[in-house]
């Protein structure tokens, strides 16, 4: 009986060990602090193995052969069984018990804001420099029309979406 308990304990510990690991989804810089303005302390190549040490907002503190520091959350693809302990039920060995099945391989894909809590979202402040940078990517109406014509895209006007309970919005003639 003790032997079985010891084996189960070892398997659970092995699952917990693998819980905080991942792979670089793309090449990225390793930063000293969780900030875009932080000093670069290393470069993480694509597909590099990492150990996830901490999560803070949209950042992960990682350790890899390339160094230790902070990377953006979306730059790391967590490996199987790497959900935070609060989302895990018994570690990697027992993770099959908590995985929802889609009828296929049992993998679930989600998109959205990961790693930010309600308070962080409410206290978020816009980065005006990045907003201005983004505005520089906007295409003028003339450029957009020229591109559409070169791609043989036909022009259509679409009416506004209707509010719930309102009559259908008309489709405007060309």
N, C-alpha and C. Protein backbone atom coordinates (compact mmCIF):
# COMPACT_ATOMS: atom_id res chain seq x y z
N UNK A 1 0.83 -1.19 0.00
CA UNK A 1 0.00 0.00 0.00
C UNK A 1 0.87 1.26 0.00
N UNK A 2 1.93 1.25 0.84
CA UNK A 2 2.83 2.40 0.90
C UNK A 2 3.52 2.60 -0.45
N UNK A 3 3.84 1.48 -1.06
CA UNK A 3 4.52 1.54 -2.37
C UNK A 3 3.63 2.23 -3.41
N UNK A 4 2.36 1.87 -3.44
CA UNK A 4 1.41 2.47 -4.38
C UNK A 4 1.25 3.96 -4.08
N UNK A 5 1.13 4.30 -2.80
CA UNK A 5 1.00 5.71 -2.41
C UNK A 5 2.24 6.49 -2.83
N UNK A 6 3.41 5.88 -2.69
CA UNK A 6 4.66 6.53 -3.10
C UNK A 6 4.71 6.76 -4.60
N UNK A 7 4.27 5.79 -5.39
CA UNK A 7 4.24 5.92 -6.85
C UNK A 7 3.28 7.02 -7.27
N UNK A 8 2.11 7.04 -6.67
CA UNK A 8 1.13 8.09 -7.00
C UNK A 8 1.68 9.46 -6.65
N UNK A 9 2.34 9.58 -5.50
CA UNK A 9 2.94 10.84 -5.08
C UNK A 9 4.01 11.30 -6.07
N UNK A 10 4.85 10.37 -6.52
CA UNK A 10 5.88 10.69 -7.51
C UNK A 10 5.27 11.14 -8.83
N UNK A 11 4.21 10.46 -9.27
CA UNK A 11 3.55 10.85 -10.52
C UNK A 11 2.93 12.23 -10.42
N UNK A 12 2.31 12.53 -9.28
CA UNK A 12 1.73 13.87 -9.08
C UNK A 12 2.82 14.93 -9.06
N UNK A 13 3.93 14.65 -8.42
CA UNK A 13 5.05 15.60 -8.37
C UNK A 13 5.62 15.82 -9.76
N UNK A 14 5.72 14.75 -10.55
CA UNK A 14 6.22 14.89 -11.92
C UNK A 14 5.26 15.74 -12.75
N UNK A 15 3.96 15.57 -12.53
CA UNK A 15 2.98 16.39 -13.25
C UNK A 15 3.08 17.85 -12.86
N UNK A 16 3.31 18.12 -11.56
CA UNK A 16 3.44 19.50 -11.10
C UNK A 16 4.70 20.13 -11.65
N UNK A 17 5.77 19.33 -11.79
CA UNK A 17 7.03 19.83 -12.36
C UNK A 17 6.80 20.31 -13.79
N UNK A 18 6.04 19.52 -14.58
CA UNK A 18 5.81 19.86 -15.99
C UNK A 18 4.76 20.95 -16.15
N UNK A 19 4.10 21.30 -15.08
CA UNK A 19 3.00 22.24 -15.14
C UNK A 19 3.42 23.63 -15.62
N UNK A 20 4.60 24.08 -15.29
CA UNK A 20 5.02 25.44 -15.61
C UNK A 20 6.06 25.45 -16.72
N UNK A 21 5.71 24.92 -17.86
CA UNK A 21 6.65 24.92 -18.98
C UNK A 21 5.95 25.38 -20.25
N UNK A 22 6.75 25.72 -21.24
CA UNK A 22 6.19 26.15 -22.51
C UNK A 22 7.24 26.22 -23.59
N UNK A 23 6.82 26.70 -24.74
CA UNK A 23 7.67 26.81 -25.91
C UNK A 23 7.45 28.19 -26.51
N UNK A 24 8.51 28.83 -26.98
CA UNK A 24 8.38 30.14 -27.62
C UNK A 24 7.62 29.97 -28.93
N UNK A 25 6.50 30.66 -29.06
CA UNK A 25 5.69 30.59 -30.27
C UNK A 25 6.37 31.32 -31.42
N UNK A 26 7.21 32.28 -31.09
CA UNK A 26 7.97 33.05 -32.08
C UNK A 26 9.20 33.61 -31.38
N UNK A 27 10.18 34.02 -32.17
CA UNK A 27 11.37 34.64 -31.59
C UNK A 27 10.95 35.94 -30.91
N UNK A 28 11.50 36.20 -29.74
CA UNK A 28 11.13 37.39 -29.00
C UNK A 28 12.27 37.81 -28.08
N UNK A 29 12.21 39.05 -27.64
CA UNK A 29 13.22 39.57 -26.72
C UNK A 29 12.85 39.21 -25.28
N UNK A 30 13.85 38.90 -24.48
CA UNK A 30 13.67 38.68 -23.04
C UNK A 30 14.00 40.01 -22.38
N UNK A 31 13.07 40.53 -21.59
CA UNK A 31 13.23 41.85 -20.98
C UNK A 31 13.51 41.74 -19.48
N UNK A 32 14.15 42.77 -18.94
CA UNK A 32 14.50 42.81 -17.51
C UNK A 32 13.25 42.91 -16.65
N UNK A 33 12.27 43.71 -17.08
CA UNK A 33 11.04 43.94 -16.34
C UNK A 33 9.84 43.72 -17.26
N UNK A 34 8.63 43.53 -16.70
CA UNK A 34 7.44 43.35 -17.53
C UNK A 34 6.93 44.68 -18.10
N UNK A 35 7.69 45.24 -19.03
CA UNK A 35 7.35 46.53 -19.62
C UNK A 35 7.99 46.62 -21.00
N UNK A 36 7.31 47.22 -21.96
CA UNK A 36 7.88 47.36 -23.31
C UNK A 36 9.11 48.26 -23.30
N UNK A 37 9.26 49.10 -22.28
CA UNK A 37 10.40 50.01 -22.18
C UNK A 37 11.59 49.41 -21.43
N UNK A 38 11.45 48.17 -20.94
CA UNK A 38 12.50 47.55 -20.13
C UNK A 38 13.72 47.19 -20.98
N UNK A 39 14.85 47.07 -20.31
CA UNK A 39 16.10 46.70 -20.98
C UNK A 39 16.02 45.25 -21.48
N UNK A 40 16.59 45.02 -22.66
CA UNK A 40 16.63 43.68 -23.24
C UNK A 40 17.80 42.92 -22.59
N UNK A 41 17.51 41.73 -22.04
CA UNK A 41 18.55 40.94 -21.39
C UNK A 41 18.91 39.68 -22.18
N UNK A 42 18.16 39.41 -23.24
CA UNK A 42 18.43 38.23 -24.06
C UNK A 42 17.45 38.12 -25.20
N UNK A 43 17.66 37.13 -26.03
CA UNK A 43 16.78 36.89 -27.17
C UNK A 43 16.36 35.43 -27.14
N UNK A 44 15.06 35.18 -27.17
CA UNK A 44 14.51 33.84 -27.11
C UNK A 44 14.18 33.39 -28.53
N UNK A 45 14.83 32.34 -29.04
CA UNK A 45 14.52 31.89 -30.39
C UNK A 45 13.18 31.15 -30.45
N UNK A 46 12.59 31.11 -31.63
CA UNK A 46 11.35 30.39 -31.84
C UNK A 46 11.55 28.92 -31.46
N UNK A 47 10.54 28.33 -30.84
CA UNK A 47 10.51 26.92 -30.42
C UNK A 47 11.43 26.61 -29.24
N UNK A 48 12.01 27.62 -28.60
CA UNK A 48 12.86 27.38 -27.43
C UNK A 48 12.02 26.92 -26.25
N UNK A 49 12.53 25.97 -25.49
CA UNK A 49 11.86 25.47 -24.28
C UNK A 49 12.04 26.50 -23.17
N UNK A 50 10.98 26.76 -22.42
CA UNK A 50 11.05 27.70 -21.30
C UNK A 50 10.40 27.11 -20.06
N UNK A 51 10.84 27.58 -18.92
CA UNK A 51 10.20 27.28 -17.64
C UNK A 51 9.49 28.56 -17.23
N UNK A 52 8.21 28.48 -16.95
CA UNK A 52 7.43 29.66 -16.57
C UNK A 52 7.54 29.83 -15.06
N UNK A 53 8.11 30.96 -14.65
CA UNK A 53 8.35 31.22 -13.23
C UNK A 53 7.23 32.03 -12.59
N UNK A 54 6.63 32.95 -13.37
CA UNK A 54 5.57 33.81 -12.83
C UNK A 54 4.75 34.39 -13.97
N UNK A 55 3.55 34.83 -13.63
CA UNK A 55 2.69 35.53 -14.59
C UNK A 55 2.27 36.84 -13.95
N UNK A 56 2.29 37.90 -14.74
CA UNK A 56 1.87 39.21 -14.25
C UNK A 56 1.21 39.94 -15.40
N UNK A 57 -0.10 40.12 -15.33
CA UNK A 57 -0.81 40.79 -16.40
C UNK A 57 -0.60 40.06 -17.71
N UNK A 58 -0.17 40.79 -18.73
CA UNK A 58 0.08 40.21 -20.04
C UNK A 58 1.51 39.73 -20.22
N UNK A 59 2.19 39.42 -19.11
CA UNK A 59 3.61 39.05 -19.15
C UNK A 59 3.84 37.74 -18.42
N UNK A 60 4.92 37.04 -18.83
CA UNK A 60 5.39 35.85 -18.14
C UNK A 60 6.87 36.02 -17.84
N UNK A 61 7.27 35.66 -16.62
CA UNK A 61 8.70 35.61 -16.30
C UNK A 61 9.14 34.19 -16.59
N UNK A 62 10.16 34.06 -17.44
CA UNK A 62 10.59 32.75 -17.90
C UNK A 62 12.08 32.52 -17.62
N UNK A 63 12.44 31.27 -17.67
CA UNK A 63 13.84 30.87 -17.58
C UNK A 63 14.08 29.93 -18.76
N UNK A 64 15.16 30.18 -19.50
CA UNK A 64 15.49 29.34 -20.65
C UNK A 64 17.00 29.30 -20.81
N UNK A 65 17.46 28.55 -21.80
CA UNK A 65 18.89 28.50 -22.10
C UNK A 65 19.39 29.86 -22.54
N UNK A 66 18.49 30.71 -23.03
CA UNK A 66 18.85 32.05 -23.50
C UNK A 66 18.90 33.09 -22.40
N UNK A 67 18.40 32.75 -21.22
CA UNK A 67 18.40 33.69 -20.11
C UNK A 67 17.10 33.67 -19.34
N UNK A 68 17.04 34.55 -18.34
CA UNK A 68 15.85 34.67 -17.50
C UNK A 68 15.35 36.10 -17.58
N UNK A 69 14.03 36.25 -17.66
CA UNK A 69 13.43 37.58 -17.70
C UNK A 69 11.97 37.50 -18.10
N UNK A 70 11.47 38.60 -18.62
CA UNK A 70 10.04 38.74 -18.93
C UNK A 70 9.81 38.74 -20.43
N UNK A 71 8.74 38.06 -20.85
CA UNK A 71 8.31 38.05 -22.24
C UNK A 71 6.80 38.25 -22.27
N UNK A 72 6.30 38.69 -23.40
CA UNK A 72 4.84 38.85 -23.53
C UNK A 72 4.17 37.49 -23.43
N UNK A 73 3.03 37.46 -22.79
CA UNK A 73 2.27 36.24 -22.55
C UNK A 73 1.99 35.49 -23.85
N UNK A 74 1.63 36.19 -24.90
CA UNK A 74 1.26 35.54 -26.15
C UNK A 74 2.46 35.04 -26.94
N UNK A 75 3.68 35.32 -26.48
CA UNK A 75 4.87 34.82 -27.16
C UNK A 75 5.19 33.39 -26.73
N UNK A 76 4.51 32.90 -25.70
CA UNK A 76 4.77 31.57 -25.16
C UNK A 76 3.56 30.68 -25.37
N UNK A 77 3.80 29.51 -25.92
CA UNK A 77 2.75 28.50 -26.06
C UNK A 77 2.98 27.51 -24.93
N UNK A 78 2.03 27.45 -24.00
CA UNK A 78 2.20 26.56 -22.86
C UNK A 78 2.06 25.12 -23.32
N UNK A 79 2.82 24.23 -22.71
CA UNK A 79 2.77 22.82 -23.09
C UNK A 79 1.70 22.11 -22.30
N UNK A 80 1.41 20.88 -22.66
CA UNK A 80 0.34 20.10 -22.05
C UNK A 80 0.48 20.09 -20.54
N UNK A 81 -0.64 20.32 -19.85
CA UNK A 81 -0.63 20.30 -18.39
C UNK A 81 -0.06 21.56 -17.78
N UNK A 82 0.05 22.66 -18.56
CA UNK A 82 0.69 23.85 -18.03
C UNK A 82 -0.28 24.91 -17.57
N UNK A 83 -1.51 24.53 -17.32
CA UNK A 83 -2.48 25.49 -16.79
C UNK A 83 -2.05 25.91 -15.41
N UNK A 84 -2.38 27.14 -15.00
CA UNK A 84 -2.05 27.56 -13.65
C UNK A 84 -2.64 26.60 -12.62
N UNK A 85 -2.02 26.51 -11.47
CA UNK A 85 -2.47 25.57 -10.44
C UNK A 85 -3.94 25.77 -10.09
N UNK A 86 -4.43 27.02 -10.17
CA UNK A 86 -5.82 27.30 -9.84
C UNK A 86 -6.77 26.68 -10.85
N UNK A 87 -6.25 26.32 -12.06
CA UNK A 87 -7.11 25.74 -13.09
C UNK A 87 -6.87 24.24 -13.23
N UNK A 88 -5.94 23.69 -12.49
CA UNK A 88 -5.56 22.29 -12.63
C UNK A 88 -6.27 21.46 -11.59
N UNK A 89 -6.49 20.19 -11.94
CA UNK A 89 -7.09 19.27 -10.98
C UNK A 89 -6.16 18.09 -10.77
N UNK A 90 -5.13 18.27 -10.00
CA UNK A 90 -4.29 17.15 -9.66
C UNK A 90 -3.01 17.05 -10.46
N UNK A 91 -2.63 18.04 -11.22
CA UNK A 91 -1.36 18.01 -11.95
C UNK A 91 -1.47 17.34 -13.29
N UNK A 92 -0.31 17.18 -13.94
CA UNK A 92 -0.24 16.66 -15.29
C UNK A 92 -0.77 15.25 -15.42
N UNK A 93 -0.47 14.36 -14.43
CA UNK A 93 -0.89 12.97 -14.53
C UNK A 93 -2.41 12.85 -14.57
N UNK A 94 -3.11 13.64 -13.77
CA UNK A 94 -4.56 13.56 -13.70
C UNK A 94 -5.26 14.58 -14.59
N UNK A 95 -4.50 15.28 -15.43
CA UNK A 95 -5.10 16.34 -16.23
C UNK A 95 -6.13 15.82 -17.22
N UNK A 96 -6.05 14.54 -17.60
CA UNK A 96 -7.03 13.99 -18.52
C UNK A 96 -8.43 14.01 -17.92
N UNK A 97 -8.53 14.07 -16.58
CA UNK A 97 -9.82 14.11 -15.92
C UNK A 97 -10.51 15.46 -16.07
N UNK A 98 -9.72 16.52 -16.26
CA UNK A 98 -10.31 17.86 -16.29
C UNK A 98 -10.34 18.48 -17.68
N UNK A 99 -9.83 17.76 -18.68
CA UNK A 99 -9.81 18.32 -20.03
C UNK A 99 -11.16 18.14 -20.70
N UNK A 100 -11.75 19.24 -21.20
CA UNK A 100 -12.98 19.09 -21.95
C UNK A 100 -12.65 18.47 -23.31
N UNK A 101 -13.54 17.66 -23.82
CA UNK A 101 -13.30 17.02 -25.11
C UNK A 101 -14.16 17.66 -26.18
N UNK A 102 -13.55 17.89 -27.33
CA UNK A 102 -14.30 18.45 -28.45
C UNK A 102 -14.71 17.35 -29.41
N UNK A 103 -14.49 16.09 -29.02
CA UNK A 103 -14.79 14.98 -29.89
C UNK A 103 -13.58 14.57 -30.70
N UNK A 104 -12.58 15.40 -30.75
CA UNK A 104 -11.37 15.09 -31.50
C UNK A 104 -10.26 14.73 -30.55
N UNK A 105 -9.21 15.52 -30.57
CA UNK A 105 -8.04 15.24 -29.75
C UNK A 105 -8.17 15.72 -28.33
N UNK A 106 -9.31 16.30 -27.96
CA UNK A 106 -9.49 16.76 -26.60
C UNK A 106 -8.85 18.11 -26.34
N UNK A 107 -8.46 18.82 -27.39
CA UNK A 107 -7.84 20.13 -27.21
C UNK A 107 -8.89 21.22 -27.33
N UNK A 108 -8.73 22.25 -26.51
CA UNK A 108 -9.64 23.38 -26.53
C UNK A 108 -8.84 24.63 -26.86
N UNK A 109 -9.37 25.45 -27.76
CA UNK A 109 -8.69 26.68 -28.15
C UNK A 109 -9.55 27.85 -27.73
N UNK A 110 -8.94 28.85 -27.10
CA UNK A 110 -9.66 30.05 -26.72
C UNK A 110 -8.87 31.26 -27.17
N UNK A 111 -9.57 32.35 -27.36
CA UNK A 111 -8.91 33.61 -27.67
C UNK A 111 -9.50 34.67 -26.77
N UNK A 112 -8.76 35.73 -26.57
CA UNK A 112 -9.24 36.82 -25.74
C UNK A 112 -8.12 37.36 -24.89
N UNK A 113 -8.48 38.12 -23.88
CA UNK A 113 -7.49 38.72 -22.99
C UNK A 113 -7.11 37.66 -21.97
N UNK A 114 -5.83 37.25 -21.99
CA UNK A 114 -5.35 36.26 -21.04
C UNK A 114 -4.44 36.93 -20.05
N UNK A 115 -4.57 36.58 -18.81
CA UNK A 115 -3.64 37.05 -17.81
C UNK A 115 -3.98 38.39 -17.18
N UNK A 116 -5.08 39.01 -17.56
CA UNK A 116 -5.48 40.28 -16.96
C UNK A 116 -6.71 40.07 -16.10
N UNK A 117 -6.69 40.60 -14.90
CA UNK A 117 -7.87 40.49 -14.06
C UNK A 117 -8.75 41.73 -14.23
N UNK A 118 -9.91 41.71 -13.63
CA UNK A 118 -10.88 42.78 -13.77
C UNK A 118 -10.31 44.13 -13.36
N UNK A 119 -9.58 44.16 -12.25
CA UNK A 119 -9.01 45.42 -11.75
C UNK A 119 -7.99 46.00 -12.72
N UNK A 120 -7.14 45.13 -13.29
CA UNK A 120 -6.13 45.60 -14.24
C UNK A 120 -6.79 46.18 -15.50
N UNK A 121 -7.86 45.55 -15.95
CA UNK A 121 -8.56 46.05 -17.13
C UNK A 121 -9.21 47.40 -16.82
N UNK A 122 -9.83 47.52 -15.64
CA UNK A 122 -10.48 48.77 -15.26
C UNK A 122 -9.48 49.91 -15.09
N UNK A 123 -8.26 49.60 -14.63
CA UNK A 123 -7.25 50.62 -14.39
C UNK A 123 -6.32 50.85 -15.58
N UNK A 124 -6.59 50.20 -16.69
CA UNK A 124 -5.73 50.34 -17.87
C UNK A 124 -5.76 51.76 -18.41
N UNK A 125 -4.61 52.23 -18.84
CA UNK A 125 -4.50 53.57 -19.43
C UNK A 125 -3.95 53.42 -20.84
N UNK A 126 -4.47 54.20 -21.79
CA UNK A 126 -3.98 54.08 -23.16
C UNK A 126 -2.54 54.55 -23.30
N UNK A 127 -1.81 53.91 -24.18
CA UNK A 127 -0.45 54.31 -24.51
C UNK A 127 -0.55 55.21 -25.74
N UNK A 128 -0.52 56.51 -25.53
CA UNK A 128 -0.75 57.46 -26.61
C UNK A 128 0.30 57.36 -27.72
N UNK A 129 1.54 57.05 -27.36
CA UNK A 129 2.60 56.92 -28.38
C UNK A 129 2.27 55.76 -29.32
N UNK A 130 1.81 54.65 -28.76
CA UNK A 130 1.45 53.50 -29.59
C UNK A 130 0.19 53.80 -30.41
N UNK A 131 -0.74 54.55 -29.85
CA UNK A 131 -1.94 54.92 -30.58
C UNK A 131 -1.59 55.78 -31.79
N UNK A 132 -0.68 56.74 -31.60
CA UNK A 132 -0.23 57.57 -32.72
C UNK A 132 0.50 56.74 -33.76
N UNK A 133 1.31 55.80 -33.29
CA UNK A 133 2.02 54.90 -34.20
C UNK A 133 1.02 54.10 -35.04
N UNK A 134 -0.03 53.60 -34.39
CA UNK A 134 -1.06 52.82 -35.08
C UNK A 134 -1.79 53.68 -36.10
N UNK A 135 -2.05 54.95 -35.77
CA UNK A 135 -2.73 55.85 -36.70
C UNK A 135 -1.91 56.04 -37.98
N UNK A 136 -0.59 55.91 -37.88
CA UNK A 136 0.27 56.03 -39.04
C UNK A 136 0.08 54.89 -40.04
N UNK A 137 -0.55 53.80 -39.62
CA UNK A 137 -0.79 52.67 -40.52
C UNK A 137 -2.11 52.80 -41.28
N UNK A 138 -2.90 53.81 -40.96
CA UNK A 138 -4.20 53.98 -41.60
C UNK A 138 -4.03 54.31 -43.08
N UNK A 139 -4.90 53.76 -43.89
CA UNK A 139 -4.87 54.04 -45.33
C UNK A 139 -5.85 55.18 -45.63
N UNK A 140 -5.47 56.04 -46.55
CA UNK A 140 -6.39 57.10 -46.97
C UNK A 140 -7.49 56.49 -47.84
N UNK A 141 -8.56 57.23 -48.02
CA UNK A 141 -9.66 56.75 -48.85
C UNK A 141 -9.16 56.49 -50.28
N UNK A 142 -8.33 57.38 -50.80
CA UNK A 142 -7.80 57.23 -52.16
C UNK A 142 -6.95 55.96 -52.27
N UNK A 143 -6.06 55.74 -51.29
CA UNK A 143 -5.23 54.54 -51.31
C UNK A 143 -6.08 53.27 -51.23
N UNK A 144 -7.11 53.29 -50.39
CA UNK A 144 -7.98 52.13 -50.24
C UNK A 144 -8.74 51.86 -51.54
N UNK A 145 -9.23 52.89 -52.18
CA UNK A 145 -9.95 52.71 -53.45
C UNK A 145 -9.01 52.18 -54.53
N UNK A 146 -7.78 52.70 -54.57
CA UNK A 146 -6.80 52.24 -55.55
C UNK A 146 -6.48 50.76 -55.32
N UNK A 147 -6.29 50.38 -54.06
CA UNK A 147 -6.01 48.98 -53.75
C UNK A 147 -7.19 48.10 -54.14
N UNK A 148 -8.41 48.53 -53.81
CA UNK A 148 -9.60 47.76 -54.16
C UNK A 148 -9.73 47.56 -55.66
N UNK A 149 -9.46 48.62 -56.42
CA UNK A 149 -9.55 48.52 -57.88
C UNK A 149 -8.49 47.55 -58.41
N UNK A 150 -7.28 47.58 -57.86
CA UNK A 150 -6.22 46.69 -58.34
C UNK A 150 -6.53 45.23 -58.01
N UNK A 151 -7.29 44.99 -56.95
CA UNK A 151 -7.65 43.63 -56.56
C UNK A 151 -9.00 43.22 -57.14
N UNK A 152 -9.59 44.10 -57.95
CA UNK A 152 -10.90 43.86 -58.59
C UNK A 152 -12.00 43.59 -57.56
N UNK A 153 -11.96 44.36 -56.48
CA UNK A 153 -12.98 44.27 -55.44
C UNK A 153 -14.10 45.23 -55.83
N UNK A 154 -15.34 44.75 -55.80
CA UNK A 154 -16.46 45.61 -56.14
C UNK A 154 -16.89 46.42 -54.93
N UNK A 155 -17.30 47.62 -55.19
CA UNK A 155 -17.70 48.53 -54.12
C UNK A 155 -19.16 48.27 -53.76
N UNK A 156 -19.43 48.19 -52.45
CA UNK A 156 -20.80 48.02 -51.96
C UNK A 156 -21.00 48.91 -50.76
N UNK A 157 -22.19 49.42 -50.62
CA UNK A 157 -22.54 50.18 -49.43
C UNK A 157 -23.48 49.32 -48.60
N UNK A 158 -23.23 49.26 -47.32
CA UNK A 158 -24.04 48.44 -46.42
C UNK A 158 -24.63 49.37 -45.37
N UNK A 159 -25.92 49.19 -45.11
CA UNK A 159 -26.59 50.01 -44.11
C UNK A 159 -26.14 49.64 -42.70
N UNK A 160 -26.47 50.50 -41.73
CA UNK A 160 -26.13 50.24 -40.34
C UNK A 160 -26.88 49.02 -39.83
N UNK A 161 -26.33 48.36 -38.84
CA UNK A 161 -27.04 47.26 -38.19
C UNK A 161 -28.21 47.83 -37.41
N UNK A 162 -29.29 47.08 -37.37
CA UNK A 162 -30.46 47.57 -36.64
C UNK A 162 -30.32 47.30 -35.15
N UNK A 163 -30.91 48.16 -34.37
CA UNK A 163 -30.95 47.97 -32.92
C UNK A 163 -32.00 46.91 -32.63
N UNK A 164 -31.84 46.14 -31.53
CA UNK A 164 -32.84 45.14 -31.20
C UNK A 164 -34.24 45.76 -31.13
N UNK A 165 -35.20 45.13 -31.82
CA UNK A 165 -36.58 45.62 -31.83
C UNK A 165 -36.86 46.69 -32.85
N UNK A 166 -35.84 47.19 -33.56
CA UNK A 166 -36.03 48.23 -34.56
C UNK A 166 -36.32 47.56 -35.93
N UNK A 167 -36.95 48.32 -36.83
CA UNK A 167 -37.20 47.75 -38.18
C UNK A 167 -35.86 47.52 -38.90
N UNK A 168 -35.82 46.65 -39.90
CA UNK A 168 -34.57 46.38 -40.61
C UNK A 168 -33.95 47.64 -41.20
N UNK A 169 -32.64 47.71 -41.16
CA UNK A 169 -31.90 48.84 -41.75
C UNK A 169 -31.88 48.67 -43.27
N UNK A 170 -32.11 49.76 -44.00
CA UNK A 170 -32.11 49.64 -45.46
C UNK A 170 -30.69 49.47 -45.99
N UNK A 171 -30.56 48.74 -47.08
CA UNK A 171 -29.28 48.63 -47.78
C UNK A 171 -29.28 49.79 -48.76
N UNK A 172 -28.28 50.62 -48.64
CA UNK A 172 -28.22 51.83 -49.45
C UNK A 172 -27.84 51.51 -50.89
N UNK A 173 -28.47 52.16 -51.86
CA UNK A 173 -28.10 51.92 -53.26
C UNK A 173 -26.70 52.49 -53.55
N UNK A 174 -26.04 51.96 -54.57
CA UNK A 174 -24.71 52.42 -54.93
C UNK A 174 -24.75 53.77 -55.59
